[in-house]
Amino acid sequence: MDQVARVLTDADDGVLGGHRIFICDRDTKWSAAFRRTLAGGGVHVIQTPFQAPNCNAHAERFVRSIKDECLDRLVVIGAGHLRRTLTAFTAHYNGERNHQGLDNRLIAPAPTGPPTAKIHRRDRLGGLLKYYHRAA
């Protein structure tokens, strides 16, 4: 896990590079050594309270979504492929995917054209993720 923490906080291409906070539950995989390594990389680790499953609900929902909609339908070949896949899914999740908790709206909607404009489809990950939008 120490190696994972070093990779996560790598200044060049680490997932946590440029981020200041890492929120995790109290699972034993987040050991004291792991948390120290993250702290050494400039990331403040916050653990959720004991016996409070709702504190981690948003993270758990994101993990379930990425597994169900992406990773279970894809064969990942190497760390670079996984990184590109996660980046593409995160962009899709935040800007192109409807969310029931937001009344089926987008988190960060892009400007759309008039209701009579032609509808376009944007594919991500070779067509695994699709987004339909009106031309602006």
C-alpha atoms as a PDB file:
ATOM      1  CA  MET A   1       0.000   0.000   0.000  1.00  0.00           C
ATOM      2  CA  ASP A   2       2.958   2.329   0.521  1.00  0.00           C
ATOM      3  CA  GLN A   3       3.834   1.954  -3.165  1.00  0.00           C
ATOM      4  CA  VAL A   4       0.224   2.740  -4.082  1.00  0.00           C
ATOM      5  CA  ALA A   5       0.361   5.894  -1.941  1.00  0.00           C
ATOM      6  CA  ARG A   6       3.598   6.986  -3.634  1.00  0.00           C
ATOM      7  CA  VAL A   7       2.054   6.450  -7.079  1.00  0.00           C
ATOM      8  CA  LEU A   8      -1.109   8.342  -6.098  1.00  0.00           C
ATOM      9  CA  THR A   9       0.846  11.386  -4.902  1.00  0.00           C
ATOM     10  CA  ASP A  10       3.389  11.412  -7.748  1.00  0.00           C
ATOM     11  CA  ALA A  11       3.814  15.024  -8.870  1.00  0.00           C
ATOM     12  CA  ASP A  12       3.846  14.195 -12.595  1.00  0.00           C
ATOM     13  CA  ASP A  13       0.942  11.828 -13.118  1.00  0.00           C
ATOM     14  CA  GLY A  14      -0.456  10.838  -9.721  1.00  0.00           C
ATOM     15  CA  VAL A  15      -4.221  10.824  -9.334  1.00  0.00           C
ATOM     16  CA  LEU A  16      -3.980  12.897  -6.160  1.00  0.00           C
ATOM     17  CA  GLY A  17      -1.424  15.316  -7.612  1.00  0.00           C
ATOM     18  CA  GLY A  18      -2.738  18.829  -6.997  1.00  0.00           C
ATOM     19  CA  HIS A  19      -5.403  17.669  -4.535  1.00  0.00           C
ATOM     20  CA  ARG A  20      -5.145  18.484  -0.850  1.00  0.00           C
ATOM     21  CA  ILE A  21      -7.682  16.192   0.851  1.00  0.00           C
ATOM     22  CA  PHE A  22      -8.263  12.417   0.779  1.00  0.00           C
ATOM     23  CA  ILE A  23     -11.409  11.155   2.543  1.00  0.00           C
ATOM     24  CA  CYS A  24     -11.472   7.472   3.453  1.00  0.00           C
ATOM     25  CA  ASP A  25     -13.357   5.129   5.728  1.00  0.00           C
ATOM     26  CA  ARG A  26     -11.794   3.233   8.613  1.00  0.00           C
ATOM     27  CA  ASP A  27     -10.994   0.074   6.657  1.00  0.00           C
ATOM     28  CA  THR A  28      -7.687  -1.579   7.584  1.00  0.00           C
ATOM     29  CA  LYS A  29      -6.366  -1.082   4.036  1.00  0.00           C
ATOM     30  CA  TRP A  30      -5.890   2.604   4.903  1.00  0.00           C
ATOM     31  CA  SER A  31      -3.062   1.840   7.328  1.00  0.00           C
ATOM     32  CA  ALA A  32      -1.127   4.397   9.342  1.00  0.00           C
ATOM     33  CA  ALA A  33       1.856   3.962   7.001  1.00  0.00           C
ATOM     34  CA  PHE A  34      -0.375   4.620   3.975  1.00  0.00           C
ATOM     35  CA  ARG A  35      -1.791   7.768   5.582  1.00  0.00           C
ATOM     36  CA  ARG A  36       1.728   8.973   6.503  1.00  0.00           C
ATOM     37  CA  THR A  37       2.901   8.497   2.917  1.00  0.00           C
ATOM     38  CA  LEU A  38      -0.044  10.534   1.641  1.00  0.00           C
ATOM     39  CA  ALA A  39       0.656  13.227   4.231  1.00  0.00           C
ATOM     40  CA  GLY A  40       4.272  13.293   3.062  1.00  0.00           C
ATOM     41  CA  GLY A  41       2.962  13.978  -0.453  1.00  0.00           C
ATOM     42  CA  GLY A  42       1.015  17.000   0.793  1.00  0.00           C
ATOM     43  CA  VAL A  43      -2.396  15.303   1.031  1.00  0.00           C
ATOM     44  CA  HIS A  44      -4.417  15.686   4.246  1.00  0.00           C
ATOM     45  CA  VAL A  45      -6.196  12.405   5.134  1.00  0.00           C
ATOM     46  CA  ILE A  46      -9.634  12.618   6.752  1.00  0.00           C
ATOM     47  CA  GLN A  47     -11.240   9.440   8.052  1.00  0.00           C
ATOM     48  CA  THR A  48     -15.006   9.104   8.303  1.00  0.00           C
ATOM     49  CA  PRO A  49     -16.491   8.715  11.793  1.00  0.00           C
ATOM     50  CA  PHE A  50     -17.030   5.305  13.386  1.00  0.00           C
ATOM     51  CA  GLN A  51     -20.314   3.576  12.529  1.00  0.00           C
ATOM     52  CA  ALA A  52     -21.448   6.301  10.135  1.00  0.00           C
ATOM     53  CA  PRO A  53     -22.062   4.610   6.758  1.00  0.00           C
ATOM     54  CA  ASN A  54     -23.819   7.649   5.257  1.00  0.00           C
ATOM     55  CA  CYS A  55     -20.623   9.688   5.502  1.00  0.00           C
ATOM     56  CA  ASN A  56     -19.160   7.569   2.729  1.00  0.00           C
ATOM     57  CA  ALA A  57     -22.320   7.216   0.626  1.00  0.00           C
ATOM     58  CA  HIS A  58     -21.286   9.504  -2.261  1.00  0.00           C
ATOM     59  CA  ALA A  59     -17.911   7.824  -2.682  1.00  0.00           C
ATOM     60  CA  GLU A  60     -19.500   4.374  -2.533  1.00  0.00           C
ATOM     61  CA  ARG A  61     -22.059   5.372  -5.159  1.00  0.00           C
ATOM     62  CA  PHE A  62     -19.332   6.682  -7.478  1.00  0.00           C
ATOM     63  CA  VAL A  63     -17.353   3.447  -7.078  1.00  0.00           C
ATOM     64  CA  ARG A  64     -20.464   1.389  -7.846  1.00  0.00           C
ATOM     65  CA  SER A  65     -21.214   3.531 -10.909  1.00  0.00           C
ATOM     66  CA  ILE A  66     -17.699   3.287 -12.325  1.00  0.00           C
ATOM     67  CA  LYS A  67     -17.629  -0.471 -11.793  1.00  0.00           C
ATOM     68  CA  ASP A  68     -21.098  -1.145 -13.243  1.00  0.00           C
ATOM     69  CA  GLU A  69     -20.929   1.260 -16.183  1.00  0.00           C
ATOM     70  CA  CYS A  70     -17.278   0.996 -17.140  1.00  0.00           C
ATOM     71  CA  LEU A  71     -14.786  -1.349 -15.492  1.00  0.00           C
ATOM     72  CA  ASP A  72     -16.989  -4.475 -15.561  1.00  0.00           C
ATOM     73  CA  ARG A  73     -17.318  -4.074 -19.353  1.00  0.00           C
ATOM     74  CA  LEU A  74     -13.680  -3.431 -20.154  1.00  0.00           C
ATOM     75  CA  VAL A  75     -10.407  -5.344 -20.066  1.00  0.00           C
ATOM     76  CA  VAL A  76      -7.813  -2.981 -18.625  1.00  0.00           C
ATOM     77  CA  ILE A  77      -4.338  -3.411 -20.071  1.00  0.00           C
ATOM     78  CA  GLY A  78      -1.796  -1.641 -17.883  1.00  0.00           C
ATOM     79  CA  ALA A  79      -1.671   1.383 -15.631  1.00  0.00           C
ATOM     80  CA  GLY A  80      -1.746   3.909 -18.473  1.00  0.00           C
ATOM     81  CA  HIS A  81      -4.892   2.375 -19.934  1.00  0.00           C
ATOM     82  CA  LEU A  82      -6.552   2.387 -16.512  1.00  0.00           C
ATOM     83  CA  ARG A  83      -5.603   6.048 -15.994  1.00  0.00           C
ATOM     84  CA  ARG A  84      -7.050   7.072 -19.378  1.00  0.00           C
ATOM     85  CA  THR A  85     -10.194   5.030 -18.700  1.00  0.00           C
ATOM     86  CA  LEU A  86     -10.745   6.634 -15.297  1.00  0.00           C
ATOM     87  CA  THR A  87     -10.145  10.111 -16.731  1.00  0.00           C
ATOM     88  CA  ALA A  88     -12.657   9.531 -19.539  1.00  0.00           C
ATOM     89  CA  PHE A  89     -15.269   8.095 -17.169  1.00  0.00           C
ATOM     90  CA  THR A  90     -14.844  10.961 -14.696  1.00  0.00           C
ATOM     91  CA  ALA A  91     -15.358  13.507 -17.491  1.00  0.00           C
ATOM     92  CA  HIS A  92     -18.461  11.585 -18.609  1.00  0.00           C
ATOM     93  CA  TYR A  93     -19.763  11.238 -15.036  1.00  0.00           C
ATOM     94  CA  ASN A  94     -19.370  14.937 -14.204  1.00  0.00           C
ATOM     95  CA  GLY A  95     -20.407  16.507 -17.494  1.00  0.00           C
ATOM     96  CA  GLU A  96     -22.449  14.073 -19.571  1.00  0.00           C
ATOM     97  CA  ARG A  97     -24.301  11.656 -17.274  1.00  0.00           C
ATOM     98  CA  ASN A  98     -27.718  12.389 -15.742  1.00  0.00           C
ATOM     99  CA  HIS A  99     -27.952  12.019 -11.953  1.00  0.00           C
ATOM    100  CA  GLN A 100     -31.161  10.991 -10.215  1.00  0.00           C
ATOM    101  CA  GLY A 101     -30.219  12.944  -7.090  1.00  0.00           C
ATOM    102  CA  LEU A 102     -30.233  16.106  -9.231  1.00  0.00           C
ATOM    103  CA  ASP A 103     -33.637  15.406 -10.845  1.00  0.00           C
ATOM    104  CA  ASN A 104     -31.903  13.766 -13.830  1.00  0.00           C
ATOM    105  CA  ARG A 105     -29.828  16.848 -14.550  1.00  0.00           C
ATOM    106  CA  LEU A 106     -26.091  17.023 -15.245  1.00  0.00           C
ATOM    107  CA  ILE A 107     -23.564  18.027 -12.588  1.00  0.00           C
ATOM    108  CA  ALA A 108     -21.810  20.481 -14.907  1.00  0.00           C
ATOM    109  CA  PRO A 109     -23.979  20.979 -18.019  1.00  0.00           C
ATOM    110  CA  ALA A 110     -22.475  22.328 -21.222  1.00  0.00           C
ATOM    111  CA  PRO A 111     -24.279  25.037 -23.188  1.00  0.00           C
ATOM    112  CA  THR A 112     -26.933  23.599 -25.497  1.00  0.00           C
ATOM    113  CA  GLY A 113     -28.452  24.793 -28.706  1.00  0.00           C
ATOM    114  CA  PRO A 114     -32.069  25.642 -29.469  1.00  0.00           C
ATOM    115  CA  PRO A 115     -34.676  22.854 -29.178  1.00  0.00           C
ATOM    116  CA  THR A 116     -34.789  22.569 -32.974  1.00  0.00           C
ATOM    117  CA  ALA A 117     -31.026  21.998 -33.344  1.00  0.00           C
ATOM    118  CA  LYS A 118     -29.737  18.658 -34.596  1.00  0.00           C
ATOM    119  CA  ILE A 119     -28.909  16.034 -31.956  1.00  0.00           C
ATOM    120  CA  HIS A 120     -25.328  14.726 -31.892  1.00  0.00           C
ATOM    121  CA  ARG A 121     -23.849  11.708 -30.134  1.00  0.00           C
ATOM    122  CA  ARG A 122     -20.450  11.798 -28.415  1.00  0.00           C
ATOM    123  CA  ASP A 123     -18.737   8.468 -27.769  1.00  0.00           C
ATOM    124  CA  ARG A 124     -16.146   7.788 -25.093  1.00  0.00           C
ATOM    125  CA  LEU A 125     -14.061   4.666 -24.588  1.00  0.00           C
ATOM    126  CA  GLY A 126     -14.786   3.318 -28.043  1.00  0.00           C
ATOM    127  CA  GLY A 127     -18.545   3.723 -27.720  1.00  0.00           C
ATOM    128  CA  LEU A 128     -18.884   2.219 -24.239  1.00  0.00           C
ATOM    129  CA  LEU A 129     -20.107   5.576 -22.910  1.00  0.00           C
ATOM    130  CA  LYS A 130     -22.452   7.665 -25.050  1.00  0.00           C
ATOM    131  CA  TYR A 131     -23.733  11.204 -24.627  1.00  0.00           C
ATOM    132  CA  TYR A 132     -26.466  12.814 -26.732  1.00  0.00           C
ATOM    133  CA  HIS A 133     -26.636  16.593 -26.995  1.00  0.00           C
ATOM    134  CA  ARG A 134     -28.017  19.330 -29.189  1.00  0.00           C
ATOM    135  CA  ALA A 135     -25.571  21.218 -31.362  1.00  0.00           C
ATOM    136  CA  ALA A 136     -24.806  24.675 -30.004  1.00  0.00           C
END
